[in-house]
N, C-alpha and C. Protein backbone atom coordinates (compact mmCIF):
# COMPACT_ATOMS: atom_id res chain seq x y z
N MET A 1 94.95 7.46 -48.95
CA MET A 1 93.77 7.00 -49.21
C MET A 1 92.77 7.66 -49.16
N SER A 2 91.84 7.70 -49.89
CA SER A 2 90.66 8.41 -50.06
C SER A 2 89.94 9.06 -49.01
N SER A 3 89.39 9.64 -49.12
CA SER A 3 88.43 9.89 -47.86
C SER A 3 87.14 9.07 -47.38
N HIS A 4 86.96 8.21 -48.58
CA HIS A 4 85.62 7.33 -48.63
C HIS A 4 86.12 6.25 -48.13
N SER A 5 87.51 5.91 -47.46
CA SER A 5 88.01 4.67 -47.51
C SER A 5 87.07 3.85 -46.09
N ALA A 6 86.94 2.29 -46.84
CA ALA A 6 86.83 2.02 -45.62
C ALA A 6 87.63 1.71 -44.35
N GLY A 7 88.80 2.16 -44.35
CA GLY A 7 89.81 2.35 -43.31
C GLY A 7 91.03 1.99 -43.49
N PRO A 8 92.42 2.36 -43.25
CA PRO A 8 93.47 2.36 -44.12
C PRO A 8 93.95 0.82 -44.06
N ALA A 9 94.56 0.69 -45.32
CA ALA A 9 95.27 -1.02 -45.33
C ALA A 9 96.33 -1.24 -44.44
N PRO A 10 95.99 -2.51 -43.49
CA PRO A 10 96.72 -3.13 -42.19
C PRO A 10 97.84 -3.59 -43.60
N GLY A 11 99.25 -3.34 -43.56
CA GLY A 11 100.10 -4.17 -43.67
C GLY A 11 100.97 -3.73 -44.99
N SER A 12 100.19 -2.15 -45.16
CA SER A 12 100.94 -1.23 -46.62
C SER A 12 101.45 -0.23 -45.75
N GLU A 13 101.74 0.45 -44.93
CA GLU A 13 102.20 1.78 -44.37
C GLU A 13 101.91 1.85 -42.86
N PRO A 14 102.95 2.18 -42.17
CA PRO A 14 103.00 2.19 -40.70
C PRO A 14 101.40 3.45 -40.59
N GLN A 15 100.76 3.06 -40.10
CA GLN A 15 99.57 3.73 -39.66
C GLN A 15 99.83 5.38 -38.71
N ARG A 16 100.36 6.22 -39.97
CA ARG A 16 100.58 7.59 -38.97
C ARG A 16 100.46 8.44 -40.05
N ARG A 17 100.63 9.93 -39.58
CA ARG A 17 99.52 10.82 -40.56
C ARG A 17 100.93 10.99 -41.17
N ARG A 18 100.68 11.07 -42.49
CA ARG A 18 101.93 11.09 -43.87
C ARG A 18 102.09 12.48 -44.13
N ARG A 19 102.95 12.88 -44.67
CA ARG A 19 103.39 14.72 -45.17
C ARG A 19 102.67 14.75 -46.46
N ALA A 20 101.82 15.91 -46.73
CA ALA A 20 101.21 16.12 -47.95
C ALA A 20 102.13 15.15 -49.33
N ASP A 21 103.46 15.60 -48.75
CA ASP A 21 104.07 15.01 -50.37
C ASP A 21 104.25 13.33 -50.26
N ALA A 22 104.33 13.07 -49.14
CA ALA A 22 104.23 11.61 -49.18
C ALA A 22 102.71 10.55 -49.32
N GLN A 23 101.79 11.74 -48.76
CA GLN A 23 100.18 11.15 -49.12
C GLN A 23 99.87 11.35 -50.45
N ARG A 24 100.44 12.26 -51.17
CA ARG A 24 100.13 12.44 -52.59
C ARG A 24 100.99 11.51 -53.36
N ASN A 25 102.37 10.85 -53.01
CA ASN A 25 102.83 9.94 -53.29
C ASN A 25 102.21 8.60 -53.67
N TYR A 26 101.90 8.31 -52.16
CA TYR A 26 100.52 6.93 -51.91
C TYR A 26 100.10 7.20 -52.80
N ASP A 27 98.99 8.21 -53.24
CA ASP A 27 98.03 8.20 -53.73
C ASP A 27 97.83 7.78 -54.92
N GLN A 28 99.07 8.21 -55.35
CA GLN A 28 99.60 8.13 -57.18
C GLN A 28 99.94 6.90 -57.38
N LEU A 29 100.50 6.34 -56.01
CA LEU A 29 101.12 4.36 -56.30
C LEU A 29 99.45 3.95 -56.61
N VAL A 30 98.79 4.30 -55.23
CA VAL A 30 97.72 3.37 -55.42
C VAL A 30 96.92 3.54 -56.73
N ALA A 31 96.48 4.64 -57.35
CA ALA A 31 95.74 4.75 -58.29
C ALA A 31 96.65 4.11 -59.86
N ALA A 32 98.03 4.41 -59.99
CA ALA A 32 98.50 3.54 -60.95
C ALA A 32 98.12 2.29 -60.70
N ALA A 33 98.46 1.53 -59.50
CA ALA A 33 98.55 0.05 -59.06
C ALA A 33 97.25 -0.25 -59.59
N ARG A 34 96.28 0.38 -59.59
CA ARG A 34 94.65 0.02 -59.92
C ARG A 34 94.76 -0.29 -61.47
N ALA A 35 95.22 1.05 -62.20
CA ALA A 35 95.09 1.32 -63.23
C ALA A 35 96.01 -0.06 -64.11
N VAL A 36 97.48 -0.59 -63.91
CA VAL A 36 98.46 -1.38 -64.19
C VAL A 36 97.83 -2.59 -63.64
N PHE A 37 96.82 -2.73 -62.80
CA PHE A 37 96.34 -4.14 -62.68
C PHE A 37 95.38 -4.59 -62.89
N HIS A 38 94.59 -3.83 -63.78
CA HIS A 38 93.17 -3.71 -64.29
C HIS A 38 93.93 -4.11 -65.61
N ASP A 39 94.50 -3.61 -66.22
CA ASP A 39 95.39 -3.57 -67.53
C ASP A 39 96.07 -4.85 -67.44
N HIS A 40 97.00 -5.34 -66.76
CA HIS A 40 97.96 -6.04 -66.81
C HIS A 40 98.04 -7.47 -66.01
N GLY A 41 96.99 -7.17 -65.36
CA GLY A 41 97.32 -8.43 -63.90
C GLY A 41 98.26 -8.04 -63.07
N VAL A 42 97.74 -8.60 -61.73
CA VAL A 42 98.43 -8.54 -60.40
C VAL A 42 99.78 -8.81 -60.36
N ASP A 43 100.68 -9.67 -61.87
CA ASP A 43 101.46 -9.99 -61.52
C ASP A 43 102.34 -8.56 -63.12
N ALA A 44 102.02 -8.00 -63.14
CA ALA A 44 102.53 -6.74 -63.73
C ALA A 44 103.49 -6.51 -63.19
N PRO A 45 104.61 -5.63 -63.79
CA PRO A 45 105.81 -5.45 -63.72
C PRO A 45 105.92 -3.88 -62.49
N LEU A 46 106.34 -4.49 -61.19
CA LEU A 46 106.56 -3.45 -60.43
C LEU A 46 106.94 -1.77 -60.73
N ASP A 47 108.21 -1.79 -61.56
CA ASP A 47 108.37 -0.88 -62.64
C ASP A 47 107.46 0.00 -63.00
N ASP A 48 106.46 -0.16 -63.83
CA ASP A 48 105.95 -0.10 -64.21
C ASP A 48 104.65 0.82 -63.69
N ILE A 49 104.22 0.39 -62.84
CA ILE A 49 103.87 1.04 -61.74
C ILE A 49 104.44 2.68 -61.54
N ALA A 50 105.36 2.29 -60.89
CA ALA A 50 105.98 3.01 -60.12
C ALA A 50 106.41 4.68 -61.74
N ARG A 51 106.23 3.84 -62.40
CA ARG A 51 106.45 5.22 -63.94
C ARG A 51 105.25 5.63 -64.02
N ARG A 52 104.14 4.96 -63.87
CA ARG A 52 102.92 5.69 -64.16
C ARG A 52 102.51 6.36 -63.02
N ALA A 53 103.01 6.21 -61.96
CA ALA A 53 103.03 7.00 -60.76
C ALA A 53 103.61 8.43 -61.16
N GLY A 54 104.60 8.37 -61.50
CA GLY A 54 105.76 9.55 -61.76
C GLY A 54 106.52 9.46 -60.74
N VAL A 55 106.96 8.30 -60.13
CA VAL A 55 107.80 8.67 -58.43
C VAL A 55 108.56 7.18 -58.85
N GLY A 56 110.28 7.00 -58.16
CA GLY A 56 111.10 6.23 -58.53
C GLY A 56 111.06 5.25 -57.74
N ASN A 57 111.38 4.20 -57.94
CA ASN A 57 111.37 3.46 -57.47
C ASN A 57 111.70 2.82 -55.93
N ALA A 58 112.57 3.69 -55.46
CA ALA A 58 113.03 4.09 -54.27
C ALA A 58 111.87 4.14 -53.20
N THR A 59 110.83 5.28 -53.86
CA THR A 59 109.93 5.90 -53.36
C THR A 59 108.77 4.28 -53.24
N MET A 60 108.70 4.15 -54.03
CA MET A 60 107.67 3.02 -54.75
C MET A 60 108.09 2.28 -53.11
N TYR A 61 108.73 1.76 -53.06
CA TYR A 61 109.37 0.38 -52.42
C TYR A 61 109.28 1.22 -50.36
N ARG A 62 109.64 1.78 -50.58
CA ARG A 62 109.41 3.20 -49.14
C ARG A 62 107.79 2.71 -48.65
N HIS A 63 107.05 3.25 -49.58
CA HIS A 63 105.68 2.96 -49.38
C HIS A 63 104.84 1.62 -49.22
N PHE A 64 105.59 0.65 -50.36
CA PHE A 64 105.29 -0.76 -50.47
C PHE A 64 106.62 -1.42 -50.68
N PRO A 65 107.19 -2.18 -49.37
CA PRO A 65 108.05 -2.75 -49.18
C PRO A 65 107.67 -4.12 -50.47
N THR A 66 106.68 -4.68 -50.67
CA THR A 66 106.25 -5.99 -51.22
C THR A 66 105.40 -5.53 -52.29
N ARG A 67 105.09 -6.71 -53.34
CA ARG A 67 103.89 -6.60 -54.15
C ARG A 67 102.67 -6.88 -53.25
N GLY A 68 102.68 -7.80 -52.27
CA GLY A 68 101.26 -7.92 -51.71
C GLY A 68 100.84 -6.63 -51.06
N GLU A 69 101.98 -5.77 -50.31
CA GLU A 69 101.10 -5.00 -49.20
C GLU A 69 100.58 -3.87 -50.01
N LEU A 70 101.35 -4.09 -51.68
CA LEU A 70 100.69 -2.81 -52.81
C LEU A 70 99.22 -3.21 -52.97
N ILE A 71 99.07 -4.90 -53.17
CA ILE A 71 97.61 -5.66 -53.82
C ILE A 71 96.70 -4.79 -52.69
N ILE A 72 96.80 -5.33 -51.28
CA ILE A 72 96.45 -4.86 -50.15
C ILE A 72 95.65 -3.23 -50.21
N ALA A 73 96.43 -2.18 -50.79
CA ALA A 73 96.00 -1.34 -50.40
C ALA A 73 94.99 -1.11 -51.94
N VAL A 74 95.46 -1.59 -52.90
CA VAL A 74 94.17 -1.65 -54.08
C VAL A 74 93.31 -2.30 -54.12
N TYR A 75 93.03 -3.38 -53.22
CA TYR A 75 92.00 -3.96 -52.68
C TYR A 75 91.45 -3.57 -51.80
N SER A 76 91.68 -2.86 -50.79
CA SER A 76 91.37 -2.20 -49.85
C SER A 76 90.46 -0.80 -50.19
N GLU A 77 90.91 -0.19 -51.25
CA GLU A 77 90.29 1.27 -52.00
C GLU A 77 89.15 0.62 -52.94
N GLU A 78 89.53 -0.37 -53.33
CA GLU A 78 88.13 -0.93 -54.20
C GLU A 78 86.72 -1.56 -53.02
N VAL A 79 87.20 -1.69 -52.25
CA VAL A 79 86.02 -2.16 -51.09
C VAL A 79 85.77 -0.70 -50.68
N ALA A 80 86.44 0.13 -50.60
CA ALA A 80 86.09 1.72 -49.79
C ALA A 80 84.82 2.21 -50.91
N GLU A 81 85.52 1.92 -52.05
CA GLU A 81 84.64 2.94 -53.18
C GLU A 81 83.54 2.04 -53.32
N LEU A 82 82.99 1.04 -53.23
CA LEU A 82 82.00 -0.01 -53.13
C LEU A 82 81.45 0.52 -52.05
N CYS A 83 81.76 0.57 -50.97
CA CYS A 83 81.15 1.02 -49.94
C CYS A 83 80.40 2.32 -50.00
N ALA A 84 80.96 3.48 -50.62
CA ALA A 84 80.74 4.67 -50.52
C ALA A 84 79.89 4.94 -51.73
N ALA A 85 79.75 3.77 -52.30
CA ALA A 85 78.24 4.00 -53.25
C ALA A 85 77.14 3.47 -52.83
N SER A 86 77.51 2.42 -51.78
CA SER A 86 76.29 2.41 -51.04
C SER A 86 75.21 3.43 -50.43
N ARG A 87 76.64 4.60 -49.88
CA ARG A 87 76.14 5.45 -48.68
C ARG A 87 75.63 6.88 -49.88
N SER A 88 75.93 6.44 -50.98
CA SER A 88 75.06 7.39 -51.84
C SER A 88 73.69 7.17 -52.39
N LEU A 89 73.92 5.81 -52.47
CA LEU A 89 72.37 5.29 -52.60
C LEU A 89 71.34 5.31 -51.74
N LEU A 90 71.47 5.54 -50.55
CA LEU A 90 70.57 5.62 -49.71
C LEU A 90 70.03 6.32 -49.67
N ALA A 91 70.56 7.45 -50.75
CA ALA A 91 69.71 8.91 -50.81
C ALA A 91 68.72 8.85 -51.78
N GLU A 92 68.98 7.75 -52.73
CA GLU A 92 68.37 8.06 -54.02
C GLU A 92 66.90 7.12 -53.98
N ASP A 93 66.16 6.93 -54.55
CA ASP A 93 64.64 6.53 -54.53
C ASP A 93 64.25 6.07 -55.84
N PRO A 94 63.43 4.66 -56.09
CA PRO A 94 62.95 4.03 -54.96
C PRO A 94 63.86 3.03 -53.91
N PRO A 95 63.69 2.68 -52.79
CA PRO A 95 64.49 2.27 -52.23
C PRO A 95 65.08 1.05 -52.76
N ASP A 96 64.41 -0.05 -53.16
CA ASP A 96 64.45 -1.28 -53.84
C ASP A 96 65.25 -1.32 -55.23
N ASP A 97 64.91 0.14 -55.82
CA ASP A 97 65.88 0.51 -57.06
C ASP A 97 67.06 0.84 -56.35
N ALA A 98 67.65 1.48 -55.86
CA ALA A 98 69.18 1.76 -55.21
C ALA A 98 69.39 0.36 -54.25
N LEU A 99 69.04 -0.52 -53.71
CA LEU A 99 69.19 -2.01 -53.52
C LEU A 99 69.55 -2.54 -54.37
N PHE A 100 68.89 -2.79 -55.55
CA PHE A 100 69.56 -3.51 -56.42
C PHE A 100 70.42 -2.86 -57.39
N ASP A 101 70.58 -1.70 -57.33
CA ASP A 101 71.84 -0.82 -58.43
C ASP A 101 72.99 -1.44 -57.65
N TRP A 102 72.89 -1.03 -56.30
CA TRP A 102 74.15 -1.71 -55.60
C TRP A 102 74.60 -3.22 -55.69
N LEU A 103 73.72 -3.61 -55.34
CA LEU A 103 73.96 -5.26 -55.68
C LEU A 103 74.58 -5.40 -57.11
N ARG A 104 74.21 -4.92 -58.58
CA ARG A 104 74.96 -4.86 -59.47
C ARG A 104 76.00 -4.66 -59.60
N ASN A 105 76.65 -3.59 -58.34
CA ASN A 105 77.93 -2.85 -58.45
C ASN A 105 78.65 -3.98 -57.46
N PHE A 106 78.08 -4.72 -56.93
CA PHE A 106 78.77 -6.01 -56.06
C PHE A 106 78.99 -6.74 -56.89
N ILE A 107 77.94 -7.43 -57.78
CA ILE A 107 78.55 -8.52 -58.64
C ILE A 107 79.56 -8.04 -59.38
N ALA A 108 79.73 -6.45 -60.20
CA ALA A 108 80.62 -6.76 -60.65
C ALA A 108 82.36 -6.18 -59.71
N HIS A 109 82.08 -5.93 -58.87
CA HIS A 109 82.78 -6.06 -58.06
C HIS A 109 83.83 -7.32 -58.00
N VAL A 110 83.33 -8.36 -57.61
CA VAL A 110 82.96 -9.83 -57.25
C VAL A 110 84.08 -10.19 -58.78
N THR A 111 83.14 -10.44 -59.60
CA THR A 111 83.68 -10.46 -60.92
C THR A 111 85.11 -9.90 -61.39
N THR A 112 85.28 -8.98 -61.46
CA THR A 112 86.67 -8.26 -62.08
C THR A 112 87.38 -8.06 -61.00
N LYS A 113 87.25 -8.21 -59.18
CA LYS A 113 88.11 -8.17 -58.61
C LYS A 113 89.13 -9.19 -57.72
N ARG A 114 88.40 -10.37 -58.79
CA ARG A 114 88.88 -11.84 -57.62
C ARG A 114 89.80 -12.04 -57.83
N GLU A 115 90.90 -11.16 -58.96
CA GLU A 115 92.02 -12.02 -58.85
C GLU A 115 92.80 -11.50 -58.17
N LEU A 116 92.69 -9.77 -57.48
CA LEU A 116 92.94 -9.20 -56.88
C LEU A 116 92.87 -9.86 -54.70
N ALA A 117 91.77 -10.16 -55.40
CA ALA A 117 91.44 -11.02 -53.69
C ALA A 117 92.21 -12.28 -53.35
N LEU A 118 92.43 -13.37 -54.59
CA LEU A 118 92.93 -14.39 -54.41
C LEU A 118 94.48 -14.10 -54.62
N SER A 119 95.07 -13.26 -55.00
CA SER A 119 96.34 -12.62 -54.71
C SER A 119 96.85 -12.51 -53.21
N ILE A 120 95.90 -11.93 -52.55
CA ILE A 120 96.35 -11.84 -51.24
C ILE A 120 96.27 -12.72 -50.24
N THR A 121 97.40 -13.74 -50.13
CA THR A 121 97.61 -14.37 -49.45
C THR A 121 98.09 -14.65 -47.82
N ASP A 122 97.98 -15.60 -47.20
CA ASP A 122 98.64 -15.15 -45.36
C ASP A 122 99.95 -14.98 -45.62
N ASP A 123 100.77 -14.47 -44.54
CA ASP A 123 101.96 -14.42 -43.98
C ASP A 123 102.65 -14.77 -42.94
N SER A 124 103.85 -14.36 -42.11
CA SER A 124 104.01 -14.81 -41.07
C SER A 124 102.88 -14.05 -39.60
N THR A 125 102.59 -12.87 -40.59
CA THR A 125 101.89 -12.13 -39.93
C THR A 125 100.28 -12.41 -39.51
N GLY A 126 99.73 -13.72 -40.46
CA GLY A 126 98.65 -14.00 -40.31
C GLY A 126 97.53 -12.95 -40.55
N GLN A 127 97.69 -11.81 -41.33
CA GLN A 127 96.80 -10.65 -41.10
C GLN A 127 95.94 -10.75 -42.12
N ARG A 128 95.79 -11.95 -42.81
CA ARG A 128 94.83 -12.40 -43.97
C ARG A 128 93.45 -12.58 -43.38
N PRO A 129 93.24 -13.12 -42.54
CA PRO A 129 91.98 -13.11 -41.94
C PRO A 129 91.30 -11.55 -41.91
N ALA A 130 92.02 -11.25 -40.65
CA ALA A 130 91.67 -9.94 -40.04
C ALA A 130 91.54 -9.02 -41.36
N LEU A 131 91.98 -8.71 -42.34
CA LEU A 131 91.72 -8.14 -43.46
C LEU A 131 90.05 -8.60 -44.46
N PHE A 132 90.61 -9.73 -44.32
CA PHE A 132 89.02 -10.25 -44.91
C PHE A 132 87.64 -10.13 -44.41
N ASP A 133 88.18 -10.43 -42.83
CA ASP A 133 86.73 -9.99 -42.20
C ASP A 133 86.31 -8.60 -41.78
N ARG A 134 87.36 -7.46 -41.86
CA ARG A 134 86.95 -6.27 -42.08
C ARG A 134 86.54 -6.11 -43.53
N TRP A 135 86.73 -6.71 -44.22
CA TRP A 135 86.42 -5.75 -45.46
C TRP A 135 85.01 -6.78 -45.85
N HIS A 136 84.74 -8.34 -45.36
CA HIS A 136 83.78 -8.92 -45.50
C HIS A 136 82.01 -7.94 -44.61
N HIS A 137 82.88 -7.38 -43.41
CA HIS A 137 81.82 -6.85 -42.28
C HIS A 137 81.22 -5.32 -43.21
N SER A 138 82.46 -4.96 -43.83
CA SER A 138 82.00 -3.42 -44.74
C SER A 138 81.00 -3.66 -45.20
N MET A 139 81.17 -4.48 -46.18
CA MET A 139 80.22 -4.97 -46.95
C MET A 139 78.80 -5.27 -46.66
N HIS A 140 78.74 -6.24 -46.22
CA HIS A 140 77.67 -6.60 -45.56
C HIS A 140 77.36 -5.35 -44.61
N ALA A 141 77.62 -4.36 -44.44
CA ALA A 141 76.71 -3.10 -43.54
C ALA A 141 76.32 -2.40 -44.60
N ALA A 142 76.73 -2.46 -45.56
CA ALA A 142 76.80 -1.84 -46.69
C ALA A 142 75.19 -2.48 -47.40
N ALA A 143 75.07 -3.53 -47.42
CA ALA A 143 73.54 -4.21 -48.15
C ALA A 143 72.65 -4.31 -46.87
N SER A 144 73.31 -4.29 -45.60
CA SER A 144 72.12 -4.09 -44.60
C SER A 144 71.53 -3.03 -44.85
N ALA A 145 72.10 -1.86 -44.66
CA ALA A 145 71.68 -0.33 -44.80
C ALA A 145 70.67 -0.28 -45.77
N LEU A 146 70.59 -0.69 -47.12
CA LEU A 146 70.11 -0.50 -48.55
C LEU A 146 69.20 -1.49 -47.73
N LEU A 147 69.28 -2.65 -47.69
CA LEU A 147 68.06 -3.58 -47.71
C LEU A 147 67.20 -3.16 -45.94
N THR A 148 67.53 -2.19 -45.37
CA THR A 148 67.10 -2.01 -44.35
C THR A 148 65.85 -1.33 -44.57
N ARG A 149 66.42 -0.05 -45.43
CA ARG A 149 65.52 0.99 -45.56
C ARG A 149 64.53 0.47 -47.13
N ALA A 150 64.90 -0.57 -47.80
CA ALA A 150 63.78 -1.17 -48.98
C ALA A 150 62.57 -1.60 -47.87
N GLN A 151 63.74 -2.57 -46.56
CA GLN A 151 62.08 -3.03 -46.25
C GLN A 151 61.28 -2.47 -45.35
N ASN A 152 61.58 -1.26 -45.04
CA ASN A 152 60.94 0.04 -43.98
C ASN A 152 60.04 0.31 -45.32
N ALA A 153 60.20 0.28 -46.49
CA ALA A 153 59.10 1.02 -47.35
C ALA A 153 58.48 0.24 -48.07
N GLY A 154 58.56 -1.04 -47.75
CA GLY A 154 57.79 -2.22 -48.02
C GLY A 154 57.79 -2.57 -49.42
N THR A 155 58.99 -2.68 -50.13
CA THR A 155 59.47 -2.85 -51.30
C THR A 155 60.03 -4.33 -51.12
N VAL A 156 60.52 -4.51 -50.21
CA VAL A 156 61.33 -5.93 -50.04
C VAL A 156 60.90 -6.78 -49.25
N ARG A 157 61.03 -7.81 -49.33
CA ARG A 157 60.52 -9.11 -48.02
C ARG A 157 61.37 -8.84 -46.57
N ALA A 158 60.49 -8.97 -45.71
CA ALA A 158 60.91 -8.32 -44.43
C ALA A 158 61.64 -9.76 -44.20
N ASP A 159 61.57 -10.90 -44.42
CA ASP A 159 62.42 -11.75 -44.08
C ASP A 159 63.50 -11.99 -44.39
N LEU A 160 64.02 -11.28 -45.34
CA LEU A 160 65.32 -11.39 -46.35
C LEU A 160 66.25 -11.06 -45.36
N THR A 161 67.26 -11.46 -45.25
CA THR A 161 68.92 -11.08 -44.66
C THR A 161 69.86 -10.47 -45.77
N ALA A 162 70.88 -9.69 -45.33
CA ALA A 162 71.81 -8.69 -45.91
C ALA A 162 72.59 -10.52 -46.60
N SER A 163 73.04 -11.20 -45.81
CA SER A 163 73.62 -12.20 -45.51
C SER A 163 72.66 -13.04 -47.05
N GLU A 164 71.73 -13.38 -47.38
CA GLU A 164 71.18 -13.81 -47.90
C GLU A 164 71.23 -13.72 -49.22
N LEU A 165 70.93 -12.07 -48.98
CA LEU A 165 71.22 -11.83 -50.40
C LEU A 165 72.59 -11.51 -51.23
N LEU A 166 73.79 -11.28 -50.29
CA LEU A 166 75.16 -11.23 -50.81
C LEU A 166 75.20 -12.95 -51.18
N ALA A 167 74.92 -13.35 -50.62
CA ALA A 167 75.02 -15.32 -51.38
C ALA A 167 74.78 -15.17 -52.62
N LEU A 168 73.41 -14.70 -52.52
CA LEU A 168 73.23 -14.79 -54.18
C LEU A 168 73.77 -14.28 -54.81
N ALA A 169 74.03 -12.69 -54.80
CA ALA A 169 74.84 -12.00 -55.73
C ALA A 169 76.18 -12.55 -55.79
N ASN A 170 76.67 -13.24 -54.67
CA ASN A 170 77.84 -13.57 -54.99
C ASN A 170 78.18 -15.16 -55.58
N GLY A 171 76.79 -15.94 -55.81
CA GLY A 171 76.90 -16.97 -56.62
C GLY A 171 76.57 -16.67 -57.90
N ILE A 172 75.89 -15.62 -58.69
CA ILE A 172 76.08 -14.76 -59.72
C ILE A 172 76.95 -13.89 -60.13
N ALA A 173 78.23 -13.92 -59.05
CA ALA A 173 79.38 -13.58 -59.63
C ALA A 173 80.39 -14.75 -59.95
N LEU A 174 80.25 -15.61 -59.55
CA LEU A 174 81.18 -16.76 -59.46
C LEU A 174 80.59 -17.42 -60.60
N THR A 175 79.30 -17.95 -60.88
CA THR A 175 79.13 -18.79 -61.83
C THR A 175 78.56 -18.23 -63.57
N THR A 176 78.69 -17.03 -63.62
CA THR A 176 77.77 -16.16 -64.77
C THR A 176 78.90 -15.44 -65.47
N THR A 177 79.73 -15.53 -66.93
CA THR A 177 80.58 -14.71 -67.36
C THR A 177 79.95 -13.52 -68.49
N ASP A 178 78.34 -13.95 -68.79
CA ASP A 178 77.53 -13.45 -69.86
C ASP A 178 76.66 -12.20 -69.01
N ALA A 179 77.12 -10.83 -69.24
CA ALA A 179 76.33 -9.96 -68.69
C ALA A 179 75.17 -9.79 -68.28
N THR A 180 74.30 -10.33 -69.88
CA THR A 180 72.59 -10.61 -70.16
C THR A 180 72.66 -11.43 -69.36
N GLN A 181 72.71 -13.27 -68.91
CA GLN A 181 72.65 -13.62 -67.97
C GLN A 181 72.28 -13.27 -66.59
N ALA A 182 73.64 -12.59 -66.16
CA ALA A 182 73.57 -12.13 -64.65
C ALA A 182 72.63 -10.99 -64.51
N GLU A 183 71.99 -10.18 -65.44
CA GLU A 183 71.15 -9.38 -65.29
C GLU A 183 69.99 -10.13 -65.03
N ARG A 184 69.81 -10.69 -66.03
CA ARG A 184 68.36 -12.00 -66.06
C ARG A 184 68.21 -12.33 -64.29
N LEU A 185 69.26 -13.07 -64.13
CA LEU A 185 69.21 -13.39 -62.56
C LEU A 185 69.04 -12.28 -61.06
N VAL A 186 69.42 -11.33 -61.51
CA VAL A 186 69.62 -10.30 -60.59
C VAL A 186 68.21 -9.97 -60.85
N LEU A 187 67.28 -10.00 -61.68
CA LEU A 187 65.88 -9.67 -62.01
C LEU A 187 65.23 -10.55 -61.36
N LEU A 188 66.04 -11.84 -61.64
CA LEU A 188 65.08 -13.18 -61.01
C LEU A 188 64.66 -12.87 -59.01
N ILE A 189 66.33 -12.60 -58.63
CA ILE A 189 66.31 -12.41 -57.05
C ILE A 189 65.36 -11.59 -56.59
N ARG A 190 65.27 -10.29 -57.56
CA ARG A 190 64.48 -9.19 -57.09
C ARG A 190 62.93 -9.65 -57.30
N GLN A 191 62.40 -10.22 -58.53
CA GLN A 191 61.01 -10.49 -58.57
C GLN A 191 60.99 -11.77 -57.50
N GLY A 192 61.67 -12.72 -56.51
CA GLY A 192 61.53 -13.50 -55.84
C GLY A 192 61.53 -13.00 -54.22
N THR A 193 62.05 -11.90 -54.16
CA THR A 193 62.03 -10.93 -52.69
C THR A 193 61.29 -9.49 -52.60
N ASP A 194 60.37 -9.23 -54.09
CA ASP A 194 59.44 -8.18 -54.22
C ASP A 194 58.36 -8.72 -53.04
N THR A 195 57.61 -7.56 -52.65
CA THR A 195 56.33 -7.96 -51.76
C THR A 195 55.23 -7.43 -52.82
N PRO A 196 54.05 -7.99 -52.46
CA PRO A 196 52.66 -8.07 -53.10
C PRO A 196 52.66 -6.58 -53.85
N SER A 197 52.59 -5.65 -53.03
CA SER A 197 52.57 -4.02 -53.28
C SER A 197 53.55 -3.51 -54.15
N THR A 198 55.11 -4.05 -54.33
CA THR A 198 56.15 -3.70 -55.25
C THR A 198 56.36 -3.15 -56.59
N PRO A 199 55.97 -2.30 -57.09
CA PRO A 199 55.66 -1.75 -58.24
C PRO A 199 56.87 -3.11 -59.17
N PRO A 200 56.48 -3.21 -60.99
CA PRO A 200 57.49 -3.79 -61.42
C PRO A 200 58.98 -3.12 -61.01
N PRO A 201 59.88 -4.08 -60.95
CA PRO A 201 61.37 -3.79 -61.06
C PRO A 201 61.38 -2.27 -62.56
N ARG A 202 62.28 -1.57 -62.24
CA ARG A 202 62.87 -0.18 -63.00
C ARG A 202 63.24 -0.79 -64.63
N GLU A 203 63.79 -1.86 -65.03
CA GLU A 203 64.41 -2.43 -65.93
C GLU A 203 62.74 -2.98 -66.93
N LEU A 204 61.77 -3.57 -65.94
CA LEU A 204 60.79 -4.37 -66.73
C LEU A 204 59.27 -3.54 -67.02
N ARG A 205 59.71 -2.02 -66.51
CA ARG A 205 58.43 -0.99 -66.97
C ARG A 205 58.81 -0.58 -68.21
N THR A 206 57.25 -0.82 -68.84
CA THR A 206 56.80 0.00 -70.26
C THR A 206 56.38 0.91 -70.06
N PRO A 207 56.69 2.32 -70.93
CA PRO A 207 55.29 3.43 -71.04
C PRO A 207 54.26 3.11 -70.77
N SER A 208 53.33 3.67 -70.93
CA SER A 208 51.85 3.28 -70.99
C SER A 208 51.55 3.41 -72.40
N PRO A 209 50.82 2.65 -73.51
CA PRO A 209 50.39 3.26 -74.62
C PRO A 209 50.26 3.98 -74.99
N ARG A 210 50.45 4.94 -76.17
CA ARG A 210 49.48 6.09 -76.36
C ARG A 210 48.01 6.07 -77.17
N PRO A 211 47.19 6.63 -76.88
CA PRO A 211 45.77 6.61 -77.07
C PRO A 211 45.89 6.76 -78.66
N PRO A 212 44.88 6.15 -79.73
CA PRO A 212 45.08 6.29 -81.13
C PRO A 212 44.13 7.33 -81.57
N TYR A 213 44.05 7.97 -80.56
CA TYR A 213 43.20 9.34 -81.28
C TYR A 213 44.20 10.89 -80.49
């Protein structure tokens, strides 16, 4: 897993320190699976993933004995990248722009990774609830940090919670298929959460007209 991971993916491989070559194979398999799942869906042949990663089938099954474990590893990486984006945006100004930039990332994540998430089914170990609890906590913490920063700057309503914001964003992701409509809904949420002193959203700002002389 990459260094920004939200944590190792339970159920993928025993949580022990891998040798450098084993870690390289693991990373290549996860990267290949992400690309293949994106292009061909989660039912794509596993042989295609092994070929794309440049490893043999035996190596792939040693790391990921089942398709489900590979899907978990891929989705965990997607969540980790989303959370890493929030940490980067904590250094960006203005704070409200950073918050809503991440919210757009979250909406894109829910829209494009929903098939992956729905493919993670429970098994005899009952690990699915624990996985989703951990991922939910990671995304909630990411949103909360950005929201608190914007609230401290006085640009977002103080009574807004991260759970409310994520619920609204999740609704946009699940009910819209048009990017233009999704962006309009994000702007409507933003306008509804602004404080009286908040400057207009970056997307609505226009340069001052030049004088005619």
